[in-house]
Amino acid sequence: MQPFERIVVLVADSVGIGEMPDAAAFGDEGSDTLGHLAARRPLELPNLVRWGLGNIRPLEHLPPSPEPAASFGRMALAGAGKDTTSGHWEMMGVILQEPFPTYPDGFPPEVMQRFEAAIGRGSLGNVTASGTEIIERLGEEHLRTAKPIVYTSADSVFQIAAHEEVIPIGELYRICETARGILEGRHQVGRVIARPFAGRPGSFQRTARRKDYAIPPPIDTVLDRLQARGVPVTAIGKIASIYCHRGVDRELKTAGNPATAETTLEVLSEGGEGLVFANFVDFDMLYGHRNDPEGYSRALEEFDQDLGRIEAALDSKDLLVVVSDHGCDPTTPSTDHTREYALLLAFAPSQPKGRDLGTRGTLADLGATIAENFGVDSPAGTSFLEKVAPASCR
């Protein structure tokens, strides 16, 4: 018997729940995204507390629930990285033994010289920066010179920003495709990203025509296997781009956490079956990488409110899982991702009492659970379906 007709996965991007044993090897000793935020001030997270957030581990002002509504635990990162792509791939059964390359000091001359020769013009930047900051700093020079702005981040990304009136969107996409072809071998970054913007100096704004050029996973993921079996997969936010648009039947792009929550609610209202997979990116993009603990805390409180609305929209045959992919502790000097355990909370309306899922050995346990529910194989991981399914299905 299939316990759940529909599984909804919400990725709270970068909401780590404490350093892993190997954190020091990544320069992340002492990192604790949720723990440090909870210690700064009381967080108003009634739905997450009711689900059992405080049962996973002690967190200040977030007490354990005597009867958690959701099953609770944490997942280790088994792969070698701590970035978006490797974390999400691991969730769906692909565990990387080598991390994607990152470039905290910018890309080397061998990359940039090939890139500039191939596109027939120079470039600006080639630094680690936030997207909004880099276009404010270099946007005016870009308007004068028509040189694209190249920048990277803590993720394995080669980002190219250009004003839509200076480099038309089609040309920007071609430039990105050129970069994707150059970035191979030891420089094979996880994603090349087109970052178009508009406006005038002092009021530049990124537009909605971002486009990601990812590399495909090296083997079939759980998403591929679901699709092959005819199980519908809906991807919300940046999910589809992370998997190079493989294994996805419907892609719904969103801009920010509130829009992702609203889109998720719209999808739930349609009914149906299959996997709904959404990424809430603002924790990471807007607050973790910018060392903004107060913004991060407010985003968590807004997410908690949206979680209550999403929970209310569930059917009796649904399973709702909240997970994270790594940490990004905004209270530390670094703006990089952090090597932390991932959050795991699984709520089923048909299961009146949550259970302790413990510490899972890999993020792939999520994919293994989804795979078992829908009757497909998973490349890795151990399913916890039996623990979250209603008693009649065990």
Protein backbone atom coordinates (compact mmCIF):
# COMPACT_ATOMS: atom_id res chain seq x y z
CA MET A 1 0.00 0.00 0.00
CA GLN A 2 1.27 3.49 -0.92
CA PRO A 3 1.10 5.53 2.32
CA PHE A 4 1.00 8.96 0.67
CA GLU A 5 -0.50 10.14 -2.59
CA ARG A 6 1.45 13.39 -2.49
CA ILE A 7 4.71 14.38 -0.81
CA VAL A 8 5.53 18.07 -0.40
CA VAL A 9 9.17 18.98 0.33
CA LEU A 10 10.04 22.50 1.48
CA VAL A 11 13.77 23.26 1.49
CA ALA A 12 14.59 25.96 4.05
CA ASP A 13 17.78 26.84 2.19
CA SER A 14 20.79 27.08 4.56
CA VAL A 15 18.86 26.61 7.84
CA GLY A 16 21.50 24.41 9.46
CA ILE A 17 21.03 22.97 12.93
CA GLY A 18 24.55 22.73 14.30
CA GLU A 19 28.09 21.90 13.18
CA MET A 20 28.93 18.45 11.89
CA PRO A 21 31.88 16.52 13.34
CA ASP A 22 34.04 17.42 10.33
CA ALA A 23 33.15 21.15 10.39
CA ALA A 24 36.69 22.19 11.35
CA ALA A 25 38.04 20.68 8.12
CA PHE A 26 35.83 23.14 6.24
CA GLY A 27 36.77 26.12 8.40
CA ASP A 28 33.34 26.01 10.06
CA GLU A 29 34.08 24.94 13.62
CA GLY A 30 31.48 26.43 15.97
CA SER A 31 28.96 27.25 13.25
CA ASP A 32 25.34 26.85 14.32
CA THR A 33 22.82 28.73 12.20
CA LEU A 34 19.64 27.98 14.15
CA GLY A 35 21.34 27.78 17.54
CA HIS A 36 23.04 31.16 17.25
CA LEU A 37 19.90 32.85 15.92
CA ALA A 38 17.82 31.40 18.76
CA ALA A 39 20.39 32.64 21.28
CA ARG A 40 20.31 36.23 19.93
CA ARG A 41 16.64 36.81 20.71
CA PRO A 42 13.47 34.76 21.18
CA LEU A 43 12.23 33.50 17.83
CA GLU A 44 8.45 33.35 17.31
CA LEU A 45 8.15 29.94 15.64
CA PRO A 46 4.98 28.39 17.10
CA ASN A 47 4.31 25.99 14.24
CA LEU A 48 7.87 24.67 14.06
CA VAL A 49 7.94 24.29 17.86
CA ARG A 50 4.63 22.44 17.77
CA TRP A 51 6.05 20.18 15.08
CA GLY A 52 9.09 19.35 17.22
CA LEU A 53 11.90 21.71 16.21
CA GLY A 54 13.05 21.90 19.83
CA ASN A 55 12.97 18.11 20.09
CA ILE A 56 15.79 17.76 17.57
CA ARG A 57 18.27 19.39 19.96
CA PRO A 58 18.21 22.02 22.71
CA LEU A 59 17.57 25.52 21.30
CA GLU A 60 17.16 28.61 23.45
CA HIS A 61 13.58 29.91 23.69
CA LEU A 62 12.40 26.99 21.49
CA PRO A 63 11.33 24.29 23.95
CA PRO A 64 10.73 20.67 23.01
CA SER A 65 7.11 19.75 22.42
CA PRO A 66 5.69 17.15 24.84
CA GLU A 67 3.72 15.69 21.90
CA PRO A 68 5.39 16.79 18.65
CA ALA A 69 2.99 16.90 15.72
CA ALA A 70 5.72 15.95 13.23
CA SER A 71 8.46 13.37 13.15
CA PHE A 72 11.78 15.08 13.82
CA GLY A 73 15.49 14.56 13.28
CA ARG A 74 18.52 15.85 11.48
CA MET A 75 20.50 14.70 8.44
CA ALA A 76 24.26 14.64 7.93
CA LEU A 77 25.92 15.79 4.72
CA ALA A 78 27.60 12.64 3.42
CA GLY A 79 29.04 14.30 0.32
CA ALA A 80 32.22 16.33 0.11
CA GLY A 81 30.62 19.74 -0.37
CA LYS A 82 28.46 22.26 1.46
CA ASP A 83 26.86 24.03 -1.47
CA THR A 84 23.39 24.21 -2.96
CA THR A 85 23.95 21.83 -5.85
CA SER A 86 25.71 19.05 -3.94
CA GLY A 87 23.19 19.31 -1.08
CA HIS A 88 20.14 19.08 -3.32
CA TRP A 89 21.68 16.33 -5.44
CA GLU A 90 22.38 14.34 -2.28
CA MET A 91 18.74 14.71 -1.24
CA MET A 92 17.79 12.87 -4.42
CA GLY A 93 20.41 10.15 -4.11
CA VAL A 94 23.56 11.53 -5.74
CA ILE A 95 26.41 11.78 -3.22
CA LEU A 96 29.47 13.59 -4.58
CA GLN A 97 32.91 12.47 -3.44
CA GLU A 98 34.61 15.63 -4.75
CA PRO A 99 33.22 19.12 -4.10
CA PHE A 100 32.52 21.54 -6.91
CA PRO A 101 35.28 24.17 -7.26
CA THR A 102 34.78 27.55 -5.65
CA TYR A 103 36.71 30.78 -6.28
CA PRO A 104 36.91 33.05 -3.23
CA ASP A 105 39.65 35.10 -4.96
CA GLY A 106 37.96 35.22 -8.35
CA PHE A 107 38.54 33.07 -11.41
CA PRO A 108 42.12 32.49 -12.60
CA PRO A 109 43.56 34.17 -15.72
CA GLU A 110 43.38 30.91 -17.69
CA VAL A 111 39.58 31.00 -17.33
CA MET A 112 39.04 34.71 -17.80
CA GLN A 113 41.33 35.06 -20.81
CA ARG A 114 39.53 32.24 -22.63
CA PHE A 115 36.16 33.70 -21.68
CA GLU A 116 36.95 37.23 -22.87
CA ALA A 117 38.50 35.97 -26.10
CA ALA A 118 35.45 33.82 -26.81
CA ILE A 119 32.91 36.62 -26.26
CA GLY A 120 35.03 39.27 -27.98
CA ARG A 121 35.08 41.80 -25.15
CA GLY A 122 36.55 42.37 -21.71
CA SER A 123 34.75 41.93 -18.42
CA LEU A 124 34.38 43.69 -15.08
CA GLY A 125 34.57 42.41 -11.53
CA ASN A 126 35.77 38.81 -11.25
CA VAL A 127 35.30 38.96 -7.48
CA THR A 128 33.19 37.35 -4.78
CA ALA A 129 30.20 39.62 -4.15
CA SER A 130 26.47 39.79 -3.61
CA GLY A 131 24.49 40.40 -6.77
CA THR A 132 22.86 43.62 -5.65
CA GLU A 133 26.12 45.08 -4.34
CA ILE A 134 28.14 44.29 -7.47
CA ILE A 135 25.71 45.94 -9.88
CA GLU A 136 25.55 49.08 -7.74
CA ARG A 137 29.35 49.18 -7.61
CA LEU A 138 30.08 48.38 -11.25
CA GLY A 139 26.79 49.07 -13.02
CA GLU A 140 27.70 52.59 -14.17
CA GLU A 141 31.03 51.41 -15.62
CA HIS A 142 29.17 48.57 -17.32
CA LEU A 143 26.84 51.13 -18.96
CA ARG A 144 29.87 53.01 -20.31
CA THR A 145 31.92 50.02 -21.48
CA ALA A 146 29.33 47.32 -22.30
CA LYS A 147 31.57 44.84 -20.51
CA PRO A 148 29.64 42.11 -18.64
CA ILE A 149 30.08 41.90 -14.88
CA VAL A 150 31.48 38.57 -13.70
CA TYR A 151 31.25 37.55 -10.06
CA THR A 152 30.97 34.48 -7.86
CA SER A 153 29.87 33.58 -4.34
CA ALA A 154 30.33 30.92 -1.70
CA ASP A 155 28.57 28.55 -4.10
CA SER A 156 30.26 27.03 -7.12
CA VAL A 157 28.89 29.60 -9.58
CA PHE A 158 30.06 31.81 -12.46
CA GLN A 159 27.55 34.67 -12.51
CA ILE A 160 27.28 37.18 -15.34
CA ALA A 161 25.34 40.40 -14.80
CA ALA A 162 24.38 42.72 -17.64
CA HIS A 163 21.96 45.58 -18.14
CA GLU A 164 19.19 44.51 -20.52
CA GLU A 165 19.55 47.72 -22.57
CA VAL A 166 23.32 47.22 -22.94
CA ILE A 167 23.52 43.49 -23.55
CA PRO A 168 20.13 42.19 -24.77
CA ILE A 169 18.84 39.14 -22.95
CA GLY A 170 19.43 36.78 -25.86
CA GLU A 171 23.04 37.88 -26.11
CA LEU A 172 23.52 37.50 -22.35
CA TYR A 173 22.22 33.95 -22.59
CA ARG A 174 24.67 33.22 -25.43
CA ILE A 175 27.52 34.62 -23.33
CA CYS A 176 26.50 32.31 -20.50
CA GLU A 177 26.38 29.34 -22.86
CA THR A 178 29.91 30.22 -23.96
CA ALA A 179 31.08 30.35 -20.34
CA ARG A 180 29.41 27.00 -19.65
CA GLY A 181 31.42 25.44 -22.47
CA ILE A 182 34.69 26.89 -21.14
CA LEU A 183 34.15 25.90 -17.52
CA GLU A 184 34.97 22.22 -17.72
CA GLY A 185 37.44 19.81 -16.16
CA ARG A 186 38.86 21.14 -12.91
CA HIS A 187 36.97 24.40 -13.45
CA GLN A 188 33.57 22.75 -13.88
CA VAL A 189 31.48 24.93 -11.61
CA GLY A 190 28.04 23.77 -10.56
CA ARG A 191 26.18 26.60 -12.30
CA VAL A 192 26.66 29.48 -14.72
CA ILE A 193 23.96 32.06 -14.01
CA ALA A 194 22.67 34.90 -16.19
CA ARG A 195 21.83 37.88 -13.96
CA PRO A 196 20.11 40.57 -16.05
CA PHE A 197 19.27 43.93 -14.49
CA ALA A 198 17.65 47.23 -15.42
CA GLY A 199 17.37 50.80 -14.17
CA ARG A 200 19.77 53.68 -13.75
CA PRO A 201 22.75 54.27 -11.40
CA GLY A 202 21.55 54.39 -7.82
CA SER A 203 18.39 52.44 -8.61
CA PHE A 204 19.50 49.31 -10.46
CA GLN A 205 17.21 46.31 -10.05
CA ARG A 206 17.70 42.70 -11.08
CA THR A 207 15.00 41.52 -13.49
CA ALA A 208 13.07 38.26 -13.50
CA ARG A 209 14.86 36.80 -16.54
CA ARG A 210 17.60 35.06 -14.59
CA LYS A 211 18.66 31.80 -16.21
CA ASP A 212 20.79 29.01 -14.73
CA TYR A 213 23.09 26.75 -16.74
CA ALA A 214 23.79 23.76 -14.52
CA ILE A 215 25.65 20.57 -15.19
CA PRO A 216 23.49 17.46 -15.17
CA PRO A 217 23.74 14.99 -12.29
CA PRO A 218 26.17 12.16 -13.17
CA ILE A 219 23.50 9.46 -12.62
CA ASP A 220 19.73 9.32 -12.55
CA THR A 221 18.31 10.97 -9.45
CA VAL A 222 15.12 10.01 -7.64
CA LEU A 223 13.43 12.72 -9.72
CA ASP A 224 14.43 10.96 -12.96
CA ARG A 225 13.13 7.68 -11.61
CA LEU A 226 9.84 9.20 -10.52
CA GLN A 227 9.34 10.74 -13.93
CA ALA A 228 10.13 7.45 -15.68
CA ARG A 229 7.43 5.78 -13.59
CA GLY A 230 4.90 8.50 -14.42
CA VAL A 231 4.86 10.12 -10.98
CA PRO A 232 4.27 13.88 -11.46
CA VAL A 233 7.07 16.15 -10.19
CA THR A 234 6.41 19.87 -9.66
CA ALA A 235 9.45 22.06 -8.97
CA ILE A 236 8.97 25.47 -7.34
CA GLY A 237 11.63 28.19 -7.17
CA LYS A 238 15.14 27.26 -8.25
CA ILE A 239 14.70 23.49 -7.84
CA ALA A 240 14.49 22.61 -11.55
CA SER A 241 17.66 24.51 -12.45
CA ILE A 242 19.65 22.67 -9.76
CA TYR A 243 18.88 19.35 -11.46
CA CYS A 244 19.48 20.78 -14.95
CA HIS A 245 15.70 20.59 -15.49
CA ARG A 246 15.82 16.80 -15.45
CA GLY A 247 13.11 14.71 -13.84
CA VAL A 248 10.72 17.68 -13.60
CA ASP A 249 7.28 17.73 -15.23
CA ARG A 250 6.32 21.27 -14.24
CA GLU A 251 8.57 24.18 -13.28
CA LEU A 252 7.14 27.18 -11.45
CA LYS A 253 9.65 29.98 -11.00
CA THR A 254 9.32 32.31 -8.03
CA ALA A 255 11.15 35.33 -6.63
CA GLY A 256 11.65 35.02 -2.88
CA ASN A 257 10.13 33.15 0.03
CA PRO A 258 6.68 34.81 0.08
CA ALA A 259 6.11 34.04 -3.61
CA THR A 260 7.32 30.47 -3.10
CA ALA A 261 4.84 29.98 -0.26
CA GLU A 262 1.96 31.38 -2.33
CA THR A 263 2.86 29.20 -5.32
CA THR A 264 3.06 26.13 -3.08
CA LEU A 265 -0.42 26.91 -1.73
CA GLU A 266 -1.76 27.29 -5.28
CA VAL A 267 -0.32 23.90 -6.26
CA LEU A 268 -1.79 22.25 -3.16
CA SER A 269 -5.22 23.69 -3.96
CA GLU A 270 -5.16 21.82 -7.29
CA GLY A 271 -5.14 18.45 -5.54
CA GLY A 272 -3.52 15.54 -7.34
CA GLU A 273 -0.59 13.31 -6.52
CA GLY A 274 3.17 13.10 -6.89
CA LEU A 275 6.05 15.20 -5.56
CA VAL A 276 5.94 18.95 -4.93
CA PHE A 277 9.49 20.22 -4.35
CA ALA A 278 10.05 23.87 -3.34
CA ASN A 279 13.13 25.87 -2.37
CA PHE A 280 12.87 28.86 0.00
CA VAL A 281 15.99 30.73 -1.05
CA ASP A 282 15.85 33.97 0.94
CA PHE A 283 17.42 32.57 4.12
CA ASP A 284 20.61 31.88 2.19
CA MET A 285 20.64 34.50 -0.55
CA LEU A 286 19.42 37.56 1.32
CA TYR A 287 20.51 36.97 4.90
CA GLY A 288 23.06 34.19 5.38
CA HIS A 289 25.52 35.41 2.74
CA ARG A 290 25.07 39.00 3.92
CA ASN A 291 25.59 38.27 7.62
CA ASP A 292 22.18 39.67 8.51
CA PRO A 293 20.99 37.71 11.56
CA GLU A 294 17.97 39.92 12.20
CA GLY A 295 16.79 39.59 8.61
CA TYR A 296 17.34 35.84 8.82
CA SER A 297 15.31 35.68 12.06
CA ARG A 298 12.42 37.63 10.55
CA ALA A 299 12.46 35.34 7.51
CA LEU A 300 12.22 32.30 9.80
CA GLU A 301 9.22 33.82 11.57
CA GLU A 302 7.52 34.58 8.25
CA PHE A 303 8.26 31.04 7.06
CA ASP A 304 6.69 29.66 10.23
CA GLN A 305 3.50 31.61 9.52
CA ASP A 306 3.44 30.33 5.94
CA LEU A 307 4.08 26.80 7.19
CA GLY A 308 0.87 27.00 9.21
CA ARG A 309 -1.07 27.98 6.08
CA ILE A 310 0.55 25.21 4.04
CA GLU A 311 -0.20 22.67 6.76
CA ALA A 312 -3.87 23.72 6.74
CA ALA A 313 -4.01 23.13 2.97
CA LEU A 314 -2.89 19.50 3.17
CA ASP A 315 -5.07 16.52 2.36
CA SER A 316 -5.26 13.43 4.55
CA LYS A 317 -3.03 11.49 2.13
CA ASP A 318 -0.25 14.12 2.08
CA LEU A 319 3.18 14.15 3.69
CA LEU A 320 4.88 17.53 4.25
CA VAL A 321 8.64 17.51 4.86
CA VAL A 322 10.76 20.53 5.85
CA VAL A 323 14.50 20.09 5.30
CA SER A 324 17.63 22.16 4.73
CA ASP A 325 20.66 21.59 2.51
CA HIS A 326 23.56 23.03 4.57
CA GLY A 327 24.12 25.96 6.93
CA CYS A 328 24.98 29.62 6.40
CA ASP A 329 25.49 31.05 9.88
CA PRO A 330 24.93 34.83 9.66
CA THR A 331 26.50 35.44 13.08
CA THR A 332 30.03 34.37 12.08
CA PRO A 333 32.61 36.56 10.29
CA SER A 334 32.45 34.37 7.19
CA THR A 335 29.72 34.83 4.59
CA ASP A 336 30.28 31.31 3.26
CA HIS A 337 28.07 28.26 3.65
CA THR A 338 28.70 26.23 6.79
CA ARG A 339 29.14 22.50 7.27
CA GLU A 340 26.11 21.78 9.46
CA TYR A 341 23.51 19.11 9.97
CA ALA A 342 20.34 19.60 7.94
CA LEU A 343 16.92 20.11 9.46
CA LEU A 344 14.36 17.28 9.13
CA LEU A 345 10.68 17.59 10.09
CA ALA A 346 7.99 15.38 8.54
CA PHE A 347 4.28 16.06 9.13
CA ALA A 348 1.42 13.82 8.03
CA PRO A 349 -2.22 14.68 8.83
CA SER A 350 -2.90 10.94 8.98
CA GLN A 351 -0.21 10.41 11.63
CA PRO A 352 -1.43 11.97 14.92
CA LYS A 353 1.92 11.74 16.69
CA GLY A 354 5.45 12.43 15.47
CA ARG A 355 8.35 10.06 16.01
CA ASP A 356 12.06 10.55 16.59
CA LEU A 357 13.92 10.04 13.30
CA GLY A 358 17.31 10.47 14.97
CA THR A 359 20.45 11.53 13.13
CA ARG A 360 20.33 10.30 9.56
CA GLY A 361 23.61 9.41 7.86
CA THR A 362 22.90 11.30 4.66
CA LEU A 363 20.52 13.77 3.02
CA ALA A 364 19.79 10.91 0.61
CA ASP A 365 17.48 9.39 3.23
CA LEU A 366 14.92 11.95 2.07
CA GLY A 367 15.07 10.73 -1.52
CA ALA A 368 15.01 7.10 -0.39
CA THR A 369 11.81 7.80 1.55
CA ILE A 370 10.16 9.48 -1.43
CA ALA A 371 11.31 6.65 -3.71
CA GLU A 372 9.92 3.92 -1.47
CA ASN A 373 6.57 5.69 -1.19
CA PHE A 374 6.14 5.85 -4.97
CA GLY A 375 7.61 2.43 -5.71
CA VAL A 376 10.94 3.33 -7.34
CA ASP A 377 14.54 2.62 -6.44
CA SER A 378 16.86 5.20 -4.89
CA PRO A 379 20.58 5.36 -5.74
CA ALA A 380 21.47 5.93 -2.07
CA GLY A 381 20.06 6.48 1.39
CA THR A 382 17.86 4.64 3.87
CA SER A 383 14.14 5.29 3.87
CA PHE A 384 12.35 6.47 7.02
CA LEU A 385 8.92 5.93 5.40
CA GLU A 386 7.89 3.30 7.93
CA LYS A 387 8.32 5.78 10.78
CA VAL A 388 6.23 8.54 9.24
CA ALA A 389 3.52 6.47 7.55
CA PRO A 390 0.19 5.89 9.28
CA ALA A 391 -0.04 2.70 11.30
CA SER A 392 -2.36 1.08 8.75
CA CYS A 393 0.41 1.21 6.13
CA ARG A 394 3.28 -0.14 8.20
